[in-house]
Amino acid sequence: MNGRGKLALIAAGGTGGHMFPAQALAERLLAHGWRVKLSTDERGARYAGGFPPEVTREIVPSATTARGGPIGKLTAPLKIGAGVTRAVAGLRRDRPAVVVGFGGYPAIPAMSAAVLLGLPRMIHEQNGVMGRVNRIFARRVDRVACGTWPTDLPAGVTGIHTGNPVRQAVLDRAGAPYAPPDDGPLHLLIIGGSQGARVLSDIVPAAIAALPETLRTRLSVSHQARAEDEARVTRAYAEAGVQAEVRPFFADVPERLAQAQAVVSRAGASSIADITVIGRPSILIPFAAAAGDHQSANARALAESGAAVVLPESVLDIASLTRDLNAILADPARAGRMAAAALALGRPDAAARLYDLVTELSS
């Protein structure tokens, strides 16, 4: 990497939903000779394992007043203040050409410092409803990039639809040919996200067990479940005579997506980006507790285009999920149309669009 290249500071944290698109931009910047630094807190750093080793990590204190009980609410402003002070010192020292925030409370110190120092800055919002931290900075940045369209933005704020950047491992399988369900093996991928996986562990194995035998016996299921649910989910599939691999985390989700005839997933922005860039039929179950019900907003375009069936938690049960799985797996023509509709919504060039905004701001 060229040590004299421009420096971009990426501020992100909280969950993989913030970190995956941040990682995709970092990969793009490095490929074009930039230097990249990631600003996050201790929690956010746990989700940064996929970032290229050339990315410098800077851990700064941060916190949220939304969790942690009375003591956490009282100490959060002190932690944030300490983080902003450290971030200001770091930005004065490094003078990045641009600061890009991806949301999550670990982004607060770096974004606050960028505002205080008047540095070129922008945010990327992954979801159809803007998150709390990005909403704070939406009127204080030079550009607002949106991963989901339309995005609910604060009054007076104009967004630019870039799409949600996906990791290189997903891009490597973008538009992989889809094999509609036929008389051969059927691959089904279940991905739930760290917060919302329990409901899927409760419902999905039983729904699959209720499928017609002609489908059930041909299934090969990859089910991402929380570690505490892994044993019971594995047992449920075994009792139903369904071949299944159950793990807390699949490192090769893009490969499993490319093989899948159908996907059952939460409606997180990064999951939807992966599903559409590769182009697969899906049943989306928005996480009911998501802030601002943003997962329902994320799923809307897929539902309207026929790329996905959306099952809100309020109507989710074994019978409804069995019905919708059967409708896809027993109808190759419909499954093929859904895959094509999903692919049409994909934005494999999202990282390139975001990179163009970064270079525009830094020039």
Protein backbone atom coordinates (compact mmCIF):
# COMPACT_ATOMS: atom_id res chain seq x y z
CA MET A 1 0.00 0.00 0.00
CA ASN A 2 1.21 3.47 -0.84
CA GLY A 3 2.04 5.13 2.47
CA ARG A 4 1.60 8.54 0.87
CA GLY A 5 -1.99 7.84 -0.18
CA LYS A 6 -4.87 9.85 1.21
CA LEU A 7 -6.22 8.76 4.58
CA ALA A 8 -9.89 7.86 5.09
CA LEU A 9 -11.19 7.43 8.62
CA ILE A 10 -14.10 5.00 8.87
CA ALA A 11 -16.23 5.25 12.00
CA ALA A 12 -18.44 2.25 12.70
CA GLY A 13 -19.41 -0.32 15.26
CA GLY A 14 -22.13 -2.05 17.17
CA THR A 15 -23.01 -4.97 14.89
CA GLY A 16 -22.05 -6.68 11.68
CA GLY A 17 -24.80 -4.66 9.99
CA HIS A 18 -22.62 -1.57 10.40
CA MET A 19 -19.29 -3.31 9.97
CA PHE A 20 -19.87 -5.28 6.75
CA PRO A 21 -20.52 -2.24 4.51
CA ALA A 22 -17.70 -0.38 6.27
CA GLN A 23 -15.40 -3.31 5.48
CA ALA A 24 -16.50 -3.26 1.83
CA LEU A 25 -15.62 0.43 1.51
CA ALA A 26 -12.28 -0.15 3.24
CA GLU A 27 -11.44 -2.90 0.71
CA ARG A 28 -12.31 -0.55 -2.15
CA LEU A 29 -10.26 2.32 -0.76
CA LEU A 30 -7.21 0.14 -0.20
CA ALA A 31 -7.45 -1.16 -3.76
CA HIS A 32 -7.20 2.43 -4.99
CA GLY A 33 -4.13 3.31 -2.93
CA TRP A 34 -5.79 4.95 0.07
CA ARG A 35 -4.76 4.46 3.66
CA VAL A 36 -7.62 3.47 5.93
CA LYS A 37 -8.17 3.74 9.67
CA LEU A 38 -11.13 2.26 11.53
CA SER A 39 -12.43 4.09 14.59
CA THR A 40 -14.60 1.97 16.87
CA ASP A 41 -14.91 0.92 20.51
CA GLU A 42 -14.06 -2.36 22.24
CA ARG A 43 -17.42 -3.93 21.31
CA GLY A 44 -17.21 -2.81 17.70
CA ALA A 45 -13.69 -4.20 17.42
CA ARG A 46 -15.10 -7.71 17.92
CA TYR A 47 -16.88 -7.38 14.57
CA ALA A 48 -13.81 -6.07 12.73
CA GLY A 49 -12.07 -9.41 12.17
CA GLY A 50 -12.86 -9.39 8.45
CA PHE A 51 -11.19 -6.04 7.77
CA PRO A 52 -7.96 -6.26 5.74
CA PRO A 53 -4.82 -6.21 7.93
CA GLU A 54 -3.72 -2.95 6.26
CA VAL A 55 -6.56 -1.14 8.07
CA THR A 56 -5.31 0.53 11.24
CA ARG A 57 -7.63 0.08 14.22
CA GLU A 58 -8.19 2.90 16.70
CA ILE A 59 -10.20 2.00 19.81
CA VAL A 60 -11.95 4.97 21.41
CA PRO A 61 -14.36 4.96 24.36
CA SER A 62 -18.06 5.23 23.55
CA ALA A 63 -21.39 4.22 25.04
CA THR A 64 -25.14 4.42 24.63
CA THR A 65 -27.77 5.73 27.00
CA ALA A 66 -30.23 3.16 25.62
CA ARG A 67 -28.78 0.24 27.61
CA GLY A 68 -26.88 -0.53 30.79
CA GLY A 69 -29.43 0.40 33.44
CA PRO A 70 -29.33 3.55 35.62
CA ILE A 71 -25.55 3.46 36.13
CA GLY A 72 -24.92 2.94 32.42
CA LYS A 73 -27.17 5.87 31.54
CA LEU A 74 -25.31 8.11 33.98
CA THR A 75 -21.81 7.12 32.89
CA ALA A 76 -22.48 7.02 29.13
CA PRO A 77 -22.05 10.80 28.59
CA LEU A 78 -18.69 10.66 30.40
CA LYS A 79 -17.48 7.81 28.21
CA ILE A 80 -18.66 9.56 25.06
CA GLY A 81 -16.97 12.78 26.15
CA ALA A 82 -13.69 10.95 26.75
CA GLY A 83 -14.01 9.31 23.34
CA VAL A 84 -14.64 12.62 21.57
CA THR A 85 -11.61 14.17 23.28
CA ARG A 86 -9.41 11.30 22.16
CA ALA A 87 -10.88 11.37 18.64
CA VAL A 88 -10.24 15.12 18.28
CA ALA A 89 -6.60 14.58 19.22
CA GLY A 90 -6.33 11.72 16.74
CA LEU A 91 -7.92 13.65 13.86
CA ARG A 92 -5.71 16.67 14.51
CA ARG A 93 -2.68 14.40 14.33
CA ASP A 94 -3.73 12.38 11.27
CA ARG A 95 -5.80 14.98 9.32
CA PRO A 96 -7.79 12.46 7.27
CA ALA A 97 -9.02 13.59 3.86
CA VAL A 98 -12.53 12.37 4.73
CA VAL A 99 -14.40 10.81 7.64
CA VAL A 100 -17.14 8.28 6.84
CA GLY A 101 -19.61 7.16 9.50
CA PHE A 102 -21.63 3.95 9.24
CA GLY A 103 -23.73 4.33 12.36
CA GLY A 104 -23.73 2.59 15.70
CA TYR A 105 -22.83 4.40 18.89
CA PRO A 106 -19.08 3.60 18.52
CA ALA A 107 -19.13 6.02 15.55
CA ILE A 108 -20.11 8.98 17.78
CA PRO A 109 -16.61 10.10 18.89
CA ALA A 110 -15.02 10.22 15.41
CA MET A 111 -18.06 11.82 13.77
CA SER A 112 -18.29 14.42 16.56
CA ALA A 113 -14.61 15.20 16.17
CA ALA A 114 -14.99 15.58 12.40
CA VAL A 115 -17.81 18.09 12.94
CA LEU A 116 -15.79 20.06 15.53
CA LEU A 117 -12.74 20.21 13.25
CA GLY A 118 -14.69 20.94 10.06
CA LEU A 119 -13.31 17.95 8.16
CA PRO A 120 -15.05 16.59 5.02
CA ARG A 121 -17.50 14.00 6.30
CA MET A 122 -20.39 11.81 5.26
CA ILE A 123 -22.56 9.03 6.62
CA HIS A 124 -23.90 5.82 5.14
CA GLU A 125 -27.26 4.57 6.41
CA GLN A 126 -27.89 0.89 5.75
CA ASN A 127 -31.57 0.65 6.71
CA GLY A 128 -34.85 2.02 5.41
CA VAL A 129 -35.32 3.90 8.68
CA MET A 130 -32.31 5.97 9.74
CA GLY A 131 -30.66 4.84 12.97
CA ARG A 132 -30.31 7.06 16.04
CA VAL A 133 -26.63 7.92 15.61
CA ASN A 134 -26.85 8.68 11.90
CA ARG A 135 -29.96 10.77 12.56
CA ILE A 136 -27.93 12.90 14.97
CA PHE A 137 -25.34 13.67 12.30
CA ALA A 138 -27.55 13.76 9.19
CA ARG A 139 -27.73 17.56 9.12
CA ARG A 140 -24.07 17.97 10.07
CA VAL A 141 -22.41 16.07 7.21
CA ASP A 142 -21.66 16.87 3.58
CA ARG A 143 -23.30 13.76 2.08
CA VAL A 144 -25.86 11.18 3.23
CA ALA A 145 -25.57 7.87 1.36
CA CYS A 146 -28.48 5.44 1.62
CA GLY A 147 -28.30 1.66 1.33
CA THR A 148 -32.07 1.03 1.22
CA TRP A 149 -34.39 3.07 -0.96
CA PRO A 150 -36.44 4.91 -0.03
CA THR A 151 -34.94 5.79 3.36
CA ASP A 152 -36.87 7.66 6.02
CA LEU A 153 -34.69 10.76 6.45
CA PRO A 154 -34.99 13.77 8.76
CA ALA A 155 -36.80 16.75 7.27
CA GLY A 156 -34.59 18.78 4.97
CA VAL A 157 -31.98 16.03 4.49
CA THR A 158 -31.36 14.75 0.96
CA GLY A 159 -30.07 11.22 0.52
CA ILE A 160 -28.12 9.61 -2.32
CA HIS A 161 -29.03 5.99 -3.11
CA THR A 162 -25.79 4.03 -3.31
CA GLY A 163 -27.02 0.66 -2.10
CA ASN A 164 -25.36 -1.35 0.65
CA PRO A 165 -21.77 -2.37 -0.15
CA VAL A 166 -21.09 -6.09 0.11
CA ARG A 167 -17.86 -7.86 0.91
CA GLN A 168 -15.60 -9.15 -1.83
CA ALA A 169 -16.59 -12.73 -0.99
CA VAL A 170 -20.18 -11.82 -1.98
CA LEU A 171 -19.10 -9.93 -5.10
CA ASP A 172 -17.16 -13.01 -6.19
CA ARG A 173 -20.52 -14.82 -6.45
CA ALA A 174 -22.63 -11.92 -7.73
CA GLY A 175 -25.29 -13.15 -10.14
CA ALA A 176 -24.23 -16.79 -9.75
CA PRO A 177 -26.54 -18.92 -11.95
CA TYR A 178 -29.64 -20.02 -10.05
CA ALA A 179 -30.71 -23.67 -10.12
CA PRO A 180 -34.50 -23.73 -9.55
CA PRO A 181 -35.79 -26.51 -7.29
CA ASP A 182 -36.27 -29.69 -9.32
CA ASP A 183 -36.13 -33.40 -8.54
CA GLY A 184 -32.58 -33.23 -7.16
CA PRO A 185 -31.14 -32.05 -3.83
CA LEU A 186 -32.61 -28.88 -2.33
CA HIS A 187 -30.38 -26.46 -0.43
CA LEU A 188 -31.98 -24.18 2.15
CA LEU A 189 -30.11 -21.46 4.06
CA ILE A 190 -31.37 -20.06 7.38
CA ILE A 191 -29.67 -16.89 8.63
CA GLY A 192 -31.02 -15.00 11.62
CA GLY A 193 -28.58 -12.38 12.85
CA SER A 194 -27.19 -12.32 16.37
CA GLN A 195 -30.21 -10.60 17.96
CA GLY A 196 -33.07 -12.23 16.13
CA ALA A 197 -32.02 -15.84 15.71
CA ARG A 198 -34.02 -17.42 18.55
CA VAL A 199 -37.43 -17.10 16.88
CA LEU A 200 -36.06 -18.80 13.77
CA SER A 201 -34.64 -21.60 15.91
CA ASP A 202 -38.08 -22.04 17.51
CA ILE A 203 -40.12 -22.08 14.28
CA VAL A 204 -38.02 -23.10 11.27
CA PRO A 205 -37.12 -26.73 12.14
CA ALA A 206 -40.75 -27.54 12.92
CA ALA A 207 -41.93 -25.84 9.72
CA ILE A 208 -39.44 -27.83 7.67
CA ALA A 209 -40.48 -31.05 9.43
CA ALA A 210 -44.05 -30.38 8.26
CA LEU A 211 -43.11 -30.16 4.57
CA PRO A 212 -44.28 -32.94 2.23
CA GLU A 213 -41.97 -35.95 2.37
CA THR A 214 -41.08 -35.52 -1.33
CA LEU A 215 -39.43 -32.20 -0.45
CA ARG A 216 -38.25 -32.91 3.09
CA THR A 217 -36.16 -35.95 2.21
CA ARG A 218 -34.25 -34.01 -0.44
CA LEU A 219 -33.37 -31.06 1.77
CA SER A 220 -29.92 -30.03 2.88
CA VAL A 221 -30.29 -27.27 5.46
CA SER A 222 -27.66 -24.79 6.65
CA HIS A 223 -29.03 -23.13 9.78
CA GLN A 224 -27.22 -20.34 11.60
CA ALA A 225 -28.37 -20.49 15.23
CA ARG A 226 -27.19 -18.99 18.49
CA ALA A 227 -24.67 -21.15 20.37
CA GLU A 228 -27.19 -21.75 23.17
CA ASP A 229 -29.75 -23.05 20.62
CA GLU A 230 -27.38 -25.16 18.53
CA ALA A 231 -27.97 -28.49 20.28
CA ARG A 232 -31.76 -28.34 20.33
CA VAL A 233 -31.99 -27.17 16.71
CA THR A 234 -29.64 -29.96 15.61
CA ARG A 235 -31.78 -32.47 17.52
CA ALA A 236 -35.02 -31.14 15.96
CA TYR A 237 -33.71 -31.65 12.43
CA ALA A 238 -32.39 -35.12 13.28
CA GLU A 239 -35.77 -36.15 14.70
CA ALA A 240 -37.43 -34.93 11.49
CA GLY A 241 -35.00 -36.91 9.35
CA VAL A 242 -33.69 -33.74 7.71
CA GLN A 243 -30.03 -33.40 6.77
CA ALA A 244 -28.86 -30.20 8.47
CA GLU A 245 -25.72 -28.38 9.46
CA VAL A 246 -26.29 -26.08 12.43
CA ARG A 247 -23.65 -23.57 13.54
CA PRO A 248 -23.52 -20.26 15.40
CA PHE A 249 -21.62 -18.75 12.46
CA PHE A 250 -20.93 -19.72 8.87
CA ALA A 251 -17.76 -18.20 7.47
CA ASP A 252 -18.84 -19.17 3.95
CA VAL A 253 -22.33 -17.63 3.80
CA PRO A 254 -21.77 -16.31 0.22
CA GLU A 255 -20.99 -19.84 -1.01
CA ARG A 256 -24.04 -21.28 0.76
CA LEU A 257 -26.20 -18.49 -0.67
CA ALA A 258 -25.00 -19.29 -4.17
CA GLN A 259 -25.94 -22.97 -3.67
CA ALA A 260 -29.35 -22.27 -2.10
CA GLN A 261 -32.69 -22.81 -3.79
CA ALA A 262 -34.26 -20.61 -1.08
CA VAL A 263 -33.27 -18.53 1.95
CA VAL A 264 -35.08 -17.84 5.22
CA SER A 265 -33.65 -14.73 6.83
CA ARG A 266 -34.19 -11.76 9.03
CA ALA A 267 -34.45 -8.53 7.02
CA GLY A 268 -31.20 -6.92 8.09
CA ALA A 269 -29.77 -4.57 5.49
CA SER A 270 -26.55 -6.54 4.96
CA SER A 271 -28.40 -9.85 4.63
CA ILE A 272 -30.73 -8.34 2.02
CA ALA A 273 -27.76 -6.87 0.16
CA ASP A 274 -26.11 -10.30 0.01
CA ILE A 275 -29.34 -12.03 -1.07
CA THR A 276 -30.02 -9.54 -3.89
CA VAL A 277 -26.45 -9.28 -5.19
CA ILE A 278 -26.32 -13.07 -5.57
CA GLY A 279 -30.01 -13.27 -6.48
CA ARG A 280 -31.96 -15.84 -4.47
CA PRO A 281 -35.65 -16.32 -3.49
CA SER A 282 -36.22 -15.57 0.16
CA ILE A 283 -38.68 -15.61 2.99
CA LEU A 284 -37.94 -12.56 5.13
CA ILE A 285 -39.00 -12.34 8.77
CA PRO A 286 -38.38 -8.78 10.00
CA PHE A 287 -37.08 -8.54 13.56
CA ALA A 288 -40.03 -7.05 15.43
CA ALA A 289 -37.84 -5.37 18.07
CA ALA A 290 -35.66 -3.55 15.52
CA ALA A 291 -35.51 0.21 16.17
CA GLY A 292 -38.18 2.03 14.20
CA ASP A 293 -39.26 -1.31 12.67
CA HIS A 294 -36.50 -0.68 10.13
CA GLN A 295 -36.34 -4.31 9.01
CA SER A 296 -39.89 -4.10 7.65
CA ALA A 297 -38.80 -1.04 5.66
CA ASN A 298 -35.75 -2.95 4.43
CA ALA A 299 -37.94 -5.79 3.11
CA ARG A 300 -40.54 -3.64 1.37
CA ALA A 301 -38.93 -3.41 -2.06
CA LEU A 302 -38.35 -7.17 -2.21
CA ALA A 303 -41.96 -7.87 -1.29
CA GLU A 304 -43.31 -5.39 -3.85
CA SER A 305 -41.16 -6.80 -6.66
CA GLY A 306 -41.99 -10.43 -5.91
CA ALA A 307 -38.42 -11.26 -4.89
CA ALA A 308 -39.39 -12.29 -1.36
CA VAL A 309 -42.26 -13.38 0.82
CA VAL A 310 -42.39 -11.25 3.97
CA LEU A 311 -43.74 -12.89 7.12
CA PRO A 312 -44.11 -10.42 10.02
CA GLU A 313 -43.55 -11.94 13.44
CA SER A 314 -47.17 -11.08 14.28
CA VAL A 315 -48.38 -13.76 11.83
CA LEU A 316 -45.37 -16.09 11.89
CA ASP A 317 -46.14 -19.65 12.95
CA ILE A 318 -45.22 -23.15 11.85
CA ALA A 319 -48.14 -23.47 9.43
CA SER A 320 -47.51 -20.16 7.65
CA LEU A 321 -43.81 -20.82 7.20
CA THR A 322 -44.43 -24.37 5.95
CA ARG A 323 -46.96 -22.98 3.47
CA ASP A 324 -44.56 -20.38 2.09
CA LEU A 325 -41.58 -22.73 1.92
CA ASN A 326 -43.66 -25.30 0.07
CA ALA A 327 -44.94 -22.65 -2.37
CA ILE A 328 -41.34 -21.83 -3.39
CA LEU A 329 -39.70 -25.26 -3.31
CA ALA A 330 -42.56 -27.00 -5.15
CA ASP A 331 -42.77 -24.39 -7.92
CA PRO A 332 -39.55 -24.07 -9.94
CA ALA A 333 -41.01 -21.41 -12.23
CA ARG A 334 -42.01 -19.18 -9.34
CA ALA A 335 -38.66 -19.73 -7.61
CA GLY A 336 -36.86 -18.72 -10.80
CA ARG A 337 -38.94 -15.53 -11.10
CA MET A 338 -38.19 -14.65 -7.47
CA ALA A 339 -34.46 -15.18 -8.00
CA ALA A 340 -34.51 -12.91 -11.08
CA ALA A 341 -36.48 -10.24 -9.21
CA ALA A 342 -34.01 -10.34 -6.32
CA LEU A 343 -31.05 -10.02 -8.66
CA ALA A 344 -32.67 -7.01 -10.36
CA LEU A 345 -32.71 -5.23 -6.99
CA GLY A 346 -29.05 -5.98 -6.22
CA ARG A 347 -26.45 -3.23 -6.16
CA PRO A 348 -23.12 -4.97 -6.75
CA ASP A 349 -21.64 -1.55 -7.55
CA ALA A 350 -22.62 -0.05 -4.17
CA ALA A 351 -19.03 0.09 -2.91
CA ALA A 352 -17.98 1.81 -6.14
CA ARG A 353 -20.78 4.36 -5.78
CA LEU A 354 -19.77 5.03 -2.19
CA TYR A 355 -16.11 5.30 -3.19
CA ASP A 356 -17.06 7.91 -5.82
CA LEU A 357 -18.74 10.02 -3.11
CA VAL A 358 -15.65 9.71 -0.90
CA THR A 359 -13.30 10.84 -3.65
CA GLU A 360 -15.64 13.68 -4.58
CA LEU A 361 -15.63 14.93 -0.99
CA SER A 362 -11.88 14.62 -0.56
CA SER A 363 -10.87 16.42 -3.77
